[in-house]
C-alpha atoms as a PDB file:
ATOM      1  CA  UNK A   1      -1.697   4.143  -4.367  1.00  0.00           C
ATOM      2  CA  UNK A   2      -2.841   7.509  -5.620  1.00  0.00           C
ATOM      3  CA  UNK A   3      -1.323  10.022  -7.690  1.00  0.00           C
ATOM      4  CA  UNK A   4      -1.319  14.078  -8.321  1.00  0.00           C
ATOM      5  CA  UNK A   5      -2.089  14.707 -11.841  1.00  0.00           C
ATOM      6  CA  UNK A   6      -0.945  18.428 -12.928  1.00  0.00           C
ATOM      7  CA  UNK A   7      -2.868  20.006 -15.451  1.00  0.00           C
ATOM      8  CA  UNK A   8      -1.773  22.800 -17.588  1.00  0.00           C
ATOM      9  CA  UNK A   9      -4.521  24.980 -19.402  1.00  0.00           C
ATOM     10  CA  UNK A  10      -5.301  28.439 -20.624  1.00  0.00           C
ATOM     11  CA  UNK A  11      -6.236  29.816 -17.122  1.00  0.00           C
ATOM     12  CA  UNK A  12      -3.074  28.450 -15.410  1.00  0.00           C
ATOM     13  CA  UNK A  13      -1.957  25.145 -13.831  1.00  0.00           C
ATOM     14  CA  UNK A  14      -4.041  23.216 -11.350  1.00  0.00           C
ATOM     15  CA  UNK A  15      -3.636  19.480  -9.908  1.00  0.00           C
ATOM     16  CA  UNK A  16      -5.847  16.788  -8.992  1.00  0.00           C
ATOM     17  CA  UNK A  17      -5.410  14.041  -6.373  1.00  0.00           C
ATOM     18  CA  UNK A  18      -6.444  10.900  -8.045  1.00  0.00           C
ATOM     19  CA  UNK A  19      -7.344   7.735  -5.744  1.00  0.00           C
ATOM     20  CA  UNK A  20      -6.017   4.334  -6.859  1.00  0.00           C
ATOM     21  CA  UNK A  21      -8.952   3.589  -8.449  1.00  0.00           C
ATOM     22  CA  UNK A  22      -8.765   6.218 -10.911  1.00  0.00           C
ATOM     23  CA  UNK A  23     -11.455   8.373  -9.149  1.00  0.00           C
ATOM     24  CA  UNK A  24     -10.792  11.998  -8.593  1.00  0.00           C
ATOM     25  CA  UNK A  25     -10.579  12.837  -4.811  1.00  0.00           C
ATOM     26  CA  UNK A  26     -10.240  16.425  -4.742  1.00  0.00           C
ATOM     27  CA  UNK A  27      -9.065  19.533  -6.911  1.00  0.00           C
ATOM     28  CA  UNK A  28      -6.878  22.433  -6.508  1.00  0.00           C
ATOM     29  CA  UNK A  29      -7.340  26.090  -7.380  1.00  0.00           C
ATOM     30  CA  UNK A  30      -5.750  27.356 -10.430  1.00  0.00           C
ATOM     31  CA  UNK A  31      -2.096  28.554 -10.013  1.00  0.00           C
ATOM     32  CA  UNK A  32      -0.187  31.122 -12.448  1.00  0.00           C
ATOM     33  CA  UNK A  33       3.042  28.846 -12.611  1.00  0.00           C
ATOM     34  CA  UNK A  34       3.914  25.224 -12.204  1.00  0.00           C
ATOM     35  CA  UNK A  35       6.025  25.897  -9.424  1.00  0.00           C
ATOM     36  CA  UNK A  36       3.291  27.362  -7.477  1.00  0.00           C
ATOM     37  CA  UNK A  37       1.067  24.462  -8.309  1.00  0.00           C
ATOM     38  CA  UNK A  38       4.012  22.123  -7.177  1.00  0.00           C
ATOM     39  CA  UNK A  39       3.887  24.153  -3.734  1.00  0.00           C
ATOM     40  CA  UNK A  40       0.073  23.529  -3.385  1.00  0.00           C
ATOM     41  CA  UNK A  41       0.904  19.723  -3.650  1.00  0.00           C
ATOM     42  CA  UNK A  42       3.504  19.856  -0.970  1.00  0.00           C
ATOM     43  CA  UNK A  43       0.731  21.864   1.208  1.00  0.00           C
ATOM     44  CA  UNK A  44      -1.561  18.818   0.783  1.00  0.00           C
ATOM     45  CA  UNK A  45       1.028  16.632   1.838  1.00  0.00           C
ATOM     46  CA  UNK A  46       1.780  18.345   4.873  1.00  0.00           C
ATOM     47  CA  UNK A  47      -1.742  19.705   5.820  1.00  0.00           C
ATOM     48  CA  UNK A  48      -3.681  16.721   5.341  1.00  0.00           C
ATOM     49  CA  UNK A  49      -2.042  14.144   7.641  1.00  0.00           C
ATOM     50  CA  UNK A  50      -2.378  16.572  10.791  1.00  0.00           C
ATOM     51  CA  UNK A  51      -5.553  18.068   9.782  1.00  0.00           C
ATOM     52  CA  UNK A  52      -8.867  17.833  12.049  1.00  0.00           C
ATOM     53  CA  UNK A  53     -12.445  17.462  10.765  1.00  0.00           C
ATOM     54  CA  UNK A  54     -14.849  20.266  11.241  1.00  0.00           C
ATOM     55  CA  UNK A  55     -18.288  19.037  10.486  1.00  0.00           C
ATOM     56  CA  UNK A  56     -20.248  22.369   9.559  1.00  0.00           C
ATOM     57  CA  UNK A  57     -23.409  20.450   8.874  1.00  0.00           C
ATOM     58  CA  UNK A  58     -24.109  19.801  12.819  1.00  0.00           C
ATOM     59  CA  UNK A  59     -25.661  22.511  14.689  1.00  0.00           C
ATOM     60  CA  UNK A  60     -23.202  24.059  17.229  1.00  0.00           C
ATOM     61  CA  UNK A  61     -20.199  22.239  15.540  1.00  0.00           C
ATOM     62  CA  UNK A  62     -16.827  23.028  17.164  1.00  0.00           C
ATOM     63  CA  UNK A  63     -14.921  25.301  15.109  1.00  0.00           C
ATOM     64  CA  UNK A  64     -11.215  23.894  14.764  1.00  0.00           C
ATOM     65  CA  UNK A  65      -7.811  25.811  14.151  1.00  0.00           C
ATOM     66  CA  UNK A  66      -6.123  25.524  10.685  1.00  0.00           C
ATOM     67  CA  UNK A  67      -5.134  22.856   9.177  1.00  0.00           C
ATOM     68  CA  UNK A  68      -8.515  21.333   8.972  1.00  0.00           C
ATOM     69  CA  UNK A  69     -10.770  19.466   6.813  1.00  0.00           C
ATOM     70  CA  UNK A  70     -14.273  21.450   6.756  1.00  0.00           C
ATOM     71  CA  UNK A  71     -17.404  19.195   5.580  1.00  0.00           C
ATOM     72  CA  UNK A  72     -20.257  21.364   4.447  1.00  0.00           C
ATOM     73  CA  UNK A  73     -23.253  21.434   2.290  1.00  0.00           C
ATOM     74  CA  UNK A  74     -23.327  23.077  -0.958  1.00  0.00           C
ATOM     75  CA  UNK A  75     -26.352  24.963  -2.854  1.00  0.00           C
ATOM     76  CA  UNK A  76     -27.645  21.729  -4.243  1.00  0.00           C
ATOM     77  CA  UNK A  77     -27.754  20.010  -0.791  1.00  0.00           C
ATOM     78  CA  UNK A  78     -24.686  17.881  -1.287  1.00  0.00           C
ATOM     79  CA  UNK A  79     -21.965  16.917   0.953  1.00  0.00           C
ATOM     80  CA  UNK A  80     -18.475  18.481   0.264  1.00  0.00           C
ATOM     81  CA  UNK A  81     -15.206  18.941   2.032  1.00  0.00           C
ATOM     82  CA  UNK A  82     -12.525  21.341   1.407  1.00  0.00           C
ATOM     83  CA  UNK A  83      -8.767  21.206   3.107  1.00  0.00           C
ATOM     84  CA  UNK A  84      -7.659  24.641   4.819  1.00  0.00           C
ATOM     85  CA  UNK A  85      -3.782  25.189   5.269  1.00  0.00           C
ATOM     86  CA  UNK A  86      -2.526  26.547   8.267  1.00  0.00           C
ATOM     87  CA  UNK A  87      -2.863  30.264   6.868  1.00  0.00           C
ATOM     88  CA  UNK A  88      -6.619  29.587   6.066  1.00  0.00           C
ATOM     89  CA  UNK A  89      -6.275  29.064   2.255  1.00  0.00           C
ATOM     90  CA  UNK A  90      -8.183  26.353   0.543  1.00  0.00           C
ATOM     91  CA  UNK A  91      -5.870  24.097  -0.844  1.00  0.00           C
ATOM     92  CA  UNK A  92      -8.020  20.925  -1.939  1.00  0.00           C
ATOM     93  CA  UNK A  93     -11.804  20.917  -2.536  1.00  0.00           C
ATOM     94  CA  UNK A  94     -13.947  17.759  -3.343  1.00  0.00           C
ATOM     95  CA  UNK A  95     -16.994  17.032  -5.789  1.00  0.00           C
ATOM     96  CA  UNK A  96     -20.292  16.648  -4.210  1.00  0.00           C
ATOM     97  CA  UNK A  97     -21.428  13.528  -2.232  1.00  0.00           C
ATOM     98  CA  UNK A  98     -25.277  12.635  -1.528  1.00  0.00           C
ATOM     99  CA  UNK A  99     -23.902  11.074   1.634  1.00  0.00           C
ATOM    100  CA  UNK A 100     -22.201  12.492   4.483  1.00  0.00           C
ATOM    101  CA  UNK A 101     -20.507   8.842   4.936  1.00  0.00           C
ATOM    102  CA  UNK A 102     -19.164   9.041   1.504  1.00  0.00           C
ATOM    103  CA  UNK A 103     -17.775  12.767   2.059  1.00  0.00           C
ATOM    104  CA  UNK A 104     -16.029  11.370   5.128  1.00  0.00           C
ATOM    105  CA  UNK A 105     -14.545   8.629   3.102  1.00  0.00           C
ATOM    106  CA  UNK A 106     -13.333  11.069   0.434  1.00  0.00           C
ATOM    107  CA  UNK A 107     -11.358  12.958   3.501  1.00  0.00           C
ATOM    108  CA  UNK A 108      -9.935   9.544   4.734  1.00  0.00           C
ATOM    109  CA  UNK A 109      -8.681   8.929   1.178  1.00  0.00           C
ATOM    110  CA  UNK A 110      -7.074  12.436   1.046  1.00  0.00           C
ATOM    111  CA  UNK A 111      -5.146  11.250   4.034  1.00  0.00           C
ATOM    112  CA  UNK A 112      -4.089   7.861   2.829  1.00  0.00           C
ATOM    113  CA  UNK A 113      -3.088   9.358  -0.636  1.00  0.00           C
ATOM    114  CA  UNK A 114      -1.381  12.746   0.637  1.00  0.00           C
ATOM    115  CA  UNK A 115       2.249  11.371  -0.115  1.00  0.00           C
ATOM    116  CA  UNK A 116       1.323  10.004  -3.483  1.00  0.00           C
ATOM    117  CA  UNK A 117       3.684  10.817  -6.601  1.00  0.00           C
ATOM    118  CA  UNK A 118       3.036  13.722  -9.135  1.00  0.00           C
ATOM    119  CA  UNK A 119       2.615  12.584 -12.640  1.00  0.00           C
END
């Protein structure tokens, strides 16, 4: 099972969702307080399990309602995903993947690990 790792730094508090194999699946934004960070984790838990997947790398893709995962290509031509909450805020973002299949596996891993404990 995965875990949420809360990180406190000079610029605020953030979290990583880490898979059981130790790989970081996704990262949060920086929050000003630990309480706000924990609320972000709860938002991932609630939204990930019901979010659809909007693949923005396909021409003429269907725009989905939030919550949703968005697959897109970054400036380095790598595949990435972000999880958006009902209000449209990005609550989790991935690293870059060279293959779209790996990016989709990352989304599946978020869904499987969404209910992980906080450490």
